Amino acid sequence: MTKYLMSVVLLSTALATGCGGSNETPQNPETPAAPAPAAEPAPPPEAPPPAAAPATPAPRPSAPRQSAAPSRPAAPAPAPPPANVAPAPRPAEPPKPVYRDVSTPVGTALSLSLITPLSTETAKVETPVTARLRQPIVVDGFTVVPAGATLHGDVTEVERAGRVRGRSRLVIRFAEVQVNGQRDPFRTNALTFEGEATKGEDATKVGGGAGIGAVIGGIVGGASGAAKGAAIGGAAGAGTVLATRGRDVELKEGTELNTSLASPYSVRVEVK
């Protein structure tokens, strides 16, 4: 068997030399041929790649909440004026008003119309009194207090007439003026009113009583009776006077009053 193999090798070598003239050194015929290298084992099959994790879905954007009241669109910015156009001149400012103080002097006459009716029978000290200015107060061509302004005051003194003598007495004074709802100090002189005298009526009442008494006394007892009757009648008449009061002061609504200013009154007026 060994000889057979060597013959085959030698034959193969000769054929190779004769055909191509190979330069390679012939192998030792006695050296057995090296066995063909064993085929490398095939690599193990690769493991399949792990399945990719399912992608997390992206969160959906939340819809914007609508505000309760719709927002107003911003006003567009004013366009700048062209570079070559001169800006319009500003309108001239109106002139500022000029004011001055005007003073009403003491003693200025005041013509009033009474609003509050008064009587010494019912009035008391500090009873409120109101009156209306009938004519405006004008100083240097400026109306300081217009007609129709209301004056406020009160009763400062009140006295009823006595049963035998004396008159009823009522005194009022104004301290404020009201114009367009605003009150300002405005002092006037006092206005004094007195009831009518009743002396003539009292004498008539006494004399009448004495005459009637004398007539009755003369009828009853002659001359001496007339004298006694006159005395008795006179006493009766005097009693009637004592029992009767004098007349009260009565001031009706609309009564015209005339007084004057007791202290200066100043206001600021606009000079046109």
Protein backbone atom coordinates (compact mmCIF):
# COMPACT_ATOMS: atom_id res chain seq x y z
CA MET A 1 0.00 0.00 0.00
CA THR A 2 2.84 2.30 0.81
CA LYS A 3 4.55 1.64 -2.41
CA TYR A 4 1.40 2.34 -4.30
CA LEU A 5 1.04 5.72 -2.66
CA MET A 6 4.61 6.71 -3.33
CA SER A 7 4.23 5.74 -7.01
CA VAL A 8 1.22 7.98 -7.28
CA VAL A 9 3.12 10.85 -5.69
CA LEU A 10 6.11 10.45 -7.96
CA LEU A 11 3.91 10.29 -10.99
CA SER A 12 2.12 13.42 -10.00
CA THR A 13 5.42 15.21 -9.45
CA ALA A 14 6.73 14.23 -12.81
CA LEU A 15 3.65 15.38 -14.52
CA ALA A 16 3.84 18.67 -12.79
CA THR A 17 7.49 19.15 -13.69
CA GLY A 18 6.98 18.24 -17.26
CA CYS A 19 4.01 20.39 -17.79
CA GLY A 20 4.93 23.63 -16.09
CA GLY A 21 8.52 23.43 -14.97
CA SER A 22 7.76 24.40 -11.46
CA ASN A 23 10.68 25.89 -9.53
CA GLU A 24 9.37 24.61 -6.25
CA THR A 25 11.59 22.07 -4.51
CA PRO A 26 10.06 18.62 -4.87
CA GLN A 27 8.83 17.09 -1.70
CA ASN A 28 10.71 14.21 -0.16
CA PRO A 29 9.14 11.12 -1.61
CA GLU A 30 9.61 9.33 1.59
CA THR A 31 7.82 12.03 3.57
CA PRO A 32 4.17 11.35 3.72
CA ALA A 33 1.83 14.08 2.55
CA ALA A 34 0.45 16.28 5.22
CA PRO A 35 -3.20 15.67 5.78
CA ALA A 36 -5.53 18.32 4.57
CA PRO A 37 -6.41 20.71 7.29
CA ALA A 38 -9.71 19.97 8.87
CA ALA A 39 -12.45 22.35 8.05
CA GLU A 40 -13.08 24.88 10.76
CA PRO A 41 -16.34 24.39 12.49
CA ALA A 42 -19.01 26.78 11.32
CA PRO A 43 -19.69 29.60 13.79
CA PRO A 44 -22.84 29.16 15.81
CA PRO A 45 -25.79 30.98 14.40
CA GLU A 46 -26.13 34.44 15.80
CA ALA A 47 -28.96 34.98 18.20
CA PRO A 48 -31.73 37.14 16.79
CA PRO A 49 -31.57 40.74 18.06
CA PRO A 50 -33.94 41.45 20.93
CA ALA A 51 -37.22 42.88 19.89
CA ALA A 52 -37.25 46.65 20.27
CA ALA A 53 -39.49 47.95 23.05
CA PRO A 54 -42.62 49.57 21.73
CA ALA A 55 -42.15 53.30 21.50
CA THR A 56 -44.05 55.30 24.09
CA PRO A 57 -46.62 57.46 22.32
CA ALA A 58 -45.87 61.17 22.62
CA PRO A 59 -48.35 63.06 24.90
CA ARG A 60 -50.99 64.89 23.00
CA PRO A 61 -50.77 68.67 23.36
CA SER A 62 -53.58 69.97 25.57
CA ALA A 63 -55.97 72.34 23.93
CA PRO A 64 -55.50 75.95 25.16
CA ARG A 65 -58.12 77.04 27.64
CA GLN A 66 -60.31 79.86 26.55
CA SER A 67 -60.47 82.77 28.98
CA ALA A 68 -63.81 83.93 30.28
CA ALA A 69 -63.58 87.24 28.48
CA PRO A 70 -62.08 87.38 25.00
CA SER A 71 -58.88 89.34 24.95
CA ARG A 72 -59.07 92.57 23.07
CA PRO A 73 -56.73 92.90 20.16
CA ALA A 74 -53.86 95.19 20.84
CA ALA A 75 -54.22 98.59 19.27
CA PRO A 76 -51.89 98.97 16.33
CA ALA A 77 -48.94 101.22 16.97
CA PRO A 78 -49.24 104.57 15.24
CA ALA A 79 -47.19 104.74 12.12
CA PRO A 80 -44.24 107.11 12.37
CA PRO A 81 -44.55 110.26 10.28
CA PRO A 82 -42.64 110.29 7.02
CA ALA A 83 -39.10 111.55 7.34
CA ASN A 84 -39.59 114.34 4.84
CA VAL A 85 -42.90 115.65 6.25
CA ALA A 86 -42.72 118.25 9.01
CA PRO A 87 -44.92 117.50 12.08
CA ALA A 88 -48.13 119.47 12.36
CA PRO A 89 -47.90 122.43 14.76
CA ARG A 90 -49.55 121.98 18.13
CA PRO A 91 -52.73 123.98 18.70
CA ALA A 92 -52.30 126.96 20.93
CA GLU A 93 -53.41 126.37 24.52
CA PRO A 94 -56.48 128.34 25.59
CA PRO A 95 -55.71 131.20 27.94
CA LYS A 96 -56.02 130.37 31.62
CA PRO A 97 -58.86 132.13 33.45
CA VAL A 98 -58.01 135.02 35.72
CA TYR A 99 -59.74 135.44 39.08
CA ARG A 100 -60.01 138.27 41.56
CA ASP A 101 -61.51 138.71 45.01
CA VAL A 102 -64.52 141.02 45.29
CA SER A 103 -65.69 142.15 48.74
CA THR A 104 -69.11 143.46 49.73
CA PRO A 105 -68.67 146.27 52.28
CA VAL A 106 -70.37 146.50 55.64
CA GLY A 107 -73.70 148.30 55.52
CA THR A 108 -74.70 147.04 52.07
CA ALA A 109 -78.51 147.20 51.88
CA LEU A 110 -80.31 143.86 51.59
CA SER A 111 -83.87 143.41 50.35
CA LEU A 112 -85.36 140.11 51.53
CA SER A 113 -88.59 138.16 51.30
CA LEU A 114 -89.50 136.04 54.35
CA ILE A 115 -89.92 132.30 53.74
CA THR A 116 -90.59 131.16 57.33
CA PRO A 117 -93.74 132.65 58.94
CA LEU A 118 -93.20 133.84 62.53
CA SER A 119 -95.31 134.85 65.55
CA THR A 120 -94.44 135.84 69.11
CA GLU A 121 -97.15 133.45 70.21
CA THR A 122 -95.27 130.35 68.99
CA ALA A 123 -91.69 131.41 68.26
CA LYS A 124 -88.83 130.71 70.65
CA VAL A 125 -85.18 131.70 70.82
CA GLU A 126 -83.14 129.82 68.15
CA THR A 127 -86.20 129.08 66.03
CA PRO A 128 -84.80 128.72 62.46
CA VAL A 129 -85.66 131.49 60.01
CA THR A 130 -85.11 131.60 56.23
CA ALA A 131 -85.52 134.39 53.71
CA ARG A 132 -84.82 134.92 50.01
CA LEU A 133 -82.70 137.71 48.52
CA ARG A 134 -84.96 139.77 46.28
CA GLN A 135 -82.24 141.74 44.47
CA PRO A 136 -78.68 140.69 43.56
CA ILE A 137 -75.65 142.17 45.28
CA VAL A 138 -73.39 143.72 42.61
CA VAL A 139 -69.92 145.18 43.27
CA ASP A 140 -67.79 146.77 40.51
CA GLY A 141 -69.95 145.13 37.88
CA PHE A 142 -69.55 141.65 39.39
CA THR A 143 -72.50 139.77 40.88
CA VAL A 144 -71.37 138.77 44.36
CA VAL A 145 -74.67 137.20 45.49
CA PRO A 146 -77.38 136.44 42.90
CA ALA A 147 -81.05 137.19 43.40
CA GLY A 148 -82.89 134.20 44.84
CA ALA A 149 -80.07 133.19 47.17
CA THR A 150 -81.34 131.81 50.50
CA LEU A 151 -80.38 133.40 53.83
CA HIS A 152 -80.44 131.28 56.98
CA GLY A 153 -80.76 132.65 60.50
CA ASP A 154 -82.76 132.24 63.70
CA VAL A 155 -84.78 134.07 66.34
CA THR A 156 -82.48 135.78 68.85
CA GLU A 157 -85.14 137.35 71.11
CA VAL A 158 -88.88 136.88 71.62
CA GLU A 159 -91.25 138.41 74.18
CA ARG A 160 -94.99 138.48 74.40
CA ALA A 161 -96.88 141.62 75.48
CA GLY A 162 -97.82 142.01 79.18
CA ARG A 163 -101.38 141.97 80.45
CA VAL A 164 -101.30 145.60 81.57
CA ARG A 165 -98.57 147.32 79.61
CA GLY A 166 -95.69 146.59 77.21
CA ARG A 167 -95.52 145.38 73.64
CA SER A 168 -94.67 142.06 72.09
CA ARG A 169 -91.13 141.90 70.68
CA LEU A 170 -89.43 139.68 68.08
CA VAL A 171 -85.78 139.89 66.94
CA ILE A 172 -84.23 137.82 64.11
CA ARG A 173 -80.78 137.75 62.54
CA PHE A 174 -79.29 135.95 59.50
CA ALA A 175 -75.85 134.33 59.62
CA GLU A 176 -75.44 132.32 56.39
CA VAL A 177 -76.11 132.60 52.66
CA GLN A 178 -76.70 129.59 50.42
CA VAL A 179 -75.81 129.73 46.71
CA ASN A 180 -75.94 126.59 44.50
CA GLY A 181 -76.20 124.35 47.54
CA GLN A 182 -73.15 125.82 49.29
CA ARG A 183 -73.44 127.76 52.55
CA ASP A 184 -71.06 130.57 53.50
CA PRO A 185 -70.96 132.91 56.52
CA PHE A 186 -73.10 135.97 55.83
CA ARG A 187 -73.95 138.05 58.92
CA THR A 188 -76.67 140.67 58.79
CA ASN A 189 -77.81 143.25 61.31
CA ALA A 190 -80.70 142.26 63.56
CA LEU A 191 -84.30 142.93 62.54
CA THR A 192 -86.57 143.97 65.43
CA PHE A 193 -90.38 143.87 65.36
CA GLU A 194 -92.78 145.16 68.07
CA GLY A 195 -96.49 144.63 68.46
CA GLU A 196 -98.97 147.50 68.21
CA ALA A 197 -99.76 149.51 71.33
CA THR A 198 -103.19 148.96 72.94
CA LYS A 199 -103.27 151.88 75.46
CA GLY A 200 -106.14 153.64 73.71
CA GLU A 201 -108.20 150.47 73.70
CA ASP A 202 -107.36 149.83 77.37
CA ALA A 203 -108.55 153.34 78.33
CA THR A 204 -111.75 152.84 76.40
CA LYS A 205 -112.40 149.58 78.18
CA VAL A 206 -111.85 151.15 81.62
CA GLY A 207 -113.94 154.29 80.84
CA GLY A 208 -116.74 152.26 79.38
CA GLY A 209 -116.97 150.18 82.52
CA ALA A 210 -117.12 153.27 84.76
CA GLY A 211 -119.90 154.91 82.68
CA ILE A 212 -122.05 151.84 82.77
CA GLY A 213 -121.53 151.55 86.54
CA ALA A 214 -122.54 155.20 87.09
CA VAL A 215 -125.76 154.78 85.13
CA ILE A 216 -126.67 151.71 87.10
CA GLY A 217 -125.74 153.37 90.45
CA GLY A 218 -127.78 156.55 89.65
CA ILE A 219 -130.85 154.53 88.88
CA VAL A 220 -130.55 152.60 92.08
CA GLY A 221 -129.32 155.23 94.65
CA GLY A 222 -129.24 158.71 93.16
CA ALA A 223 -126.06 160.80 93.20
CA SER A 224 -124.30 158.74 95.84
CA GLY A 225 -125.30 155.61 94.02
CA ALA A 226 -123.93 156.97 90.75
CA ALA A 227 -120.53 157.61 92.38
CA LYS A 228 -120.42 154.13 93.79
CA GLY A 229 -121.54 152.69 90.51
CA ALA A 230 -118.80 154.50 88.62
CA ALA A 231 -116.15 153.11 90.98
CA ILE A 232 -117.54 149.64 90.69
CA GLY A 233 -117.78 149.92 86.88
CA GLY A 234 -114.23 151.23 86.61
CA ALA A 235 -112.91 148.33 88.63
CA ALA A 236 -114.72 145.94 86.37
CA GLY A 237 -113.17 147.56 83.30
CA ALA A 238 -109.67 147.36 84.76
CA GLY A 239 -110.19 143.67 85.38
CA THR A 240 -110.99 143.20 81.72
CA VAL A 241 -107.68 144.84 80.70
CA LEU A 242 -105.71 142.68 83.11
CA ALA A 243 -107.27 139.59 81.64
CA THR A 244 -106.38 140.55 78.04
CA ARG A 245 -102.87 140.35 76.52
CA GLY A 246 -101.49 142.82 74.01
CA ARG A 247 -101.23 141.99 70.35
CA ASP A 248 -98.60 139.49 69.16
CA VAL A 249 -96.17 140.16 66.34
CA GLU A 250 -97.30 138.29 63.23
CA LEU A 251 -94.97 137.94 60.22
CA LYS A 252 -96.50 136.06 57.29
CA GLU A 253 -94.67 134.27 54.51
CA GLY A 254 -93.64 136.74 51.81
CA THR A 255 -93.27 139.66 54.23
CA GLU A 256 -90.70 142.10 52.85
CA LEU A 257 -87.67 142.64 55.10
CA ASN A 258 -85.01 145.30 54.80
CA THR A 259 -81.70 144.91 56.61
CA SER A 260 -77.98 145.46 55.96
CA LEU A 261 -74.73 143.52 55.99
CA ALA A 262 -73.01 143.43 59.40
CA SER A 263 -69.61 142.09 58.22
CA PRO A 264 -67.76 142.08 54.88
CA TYR A 265 -68.54 139.26 52.48
CA SER A 266 -65.92 138.32 49.86
CA VAL A 267 -66.05 135.95 46.90
CA ARG A 268 -63.65 135.05 44.08
CA VAL A 269 -65.01 135.82 40.64
CA GLU A 270 -63.64 135.11 37.18
CA VAL A 271 -62.42 138.07 35.19
CA LYS A 272 -63.49 137.66 31.55
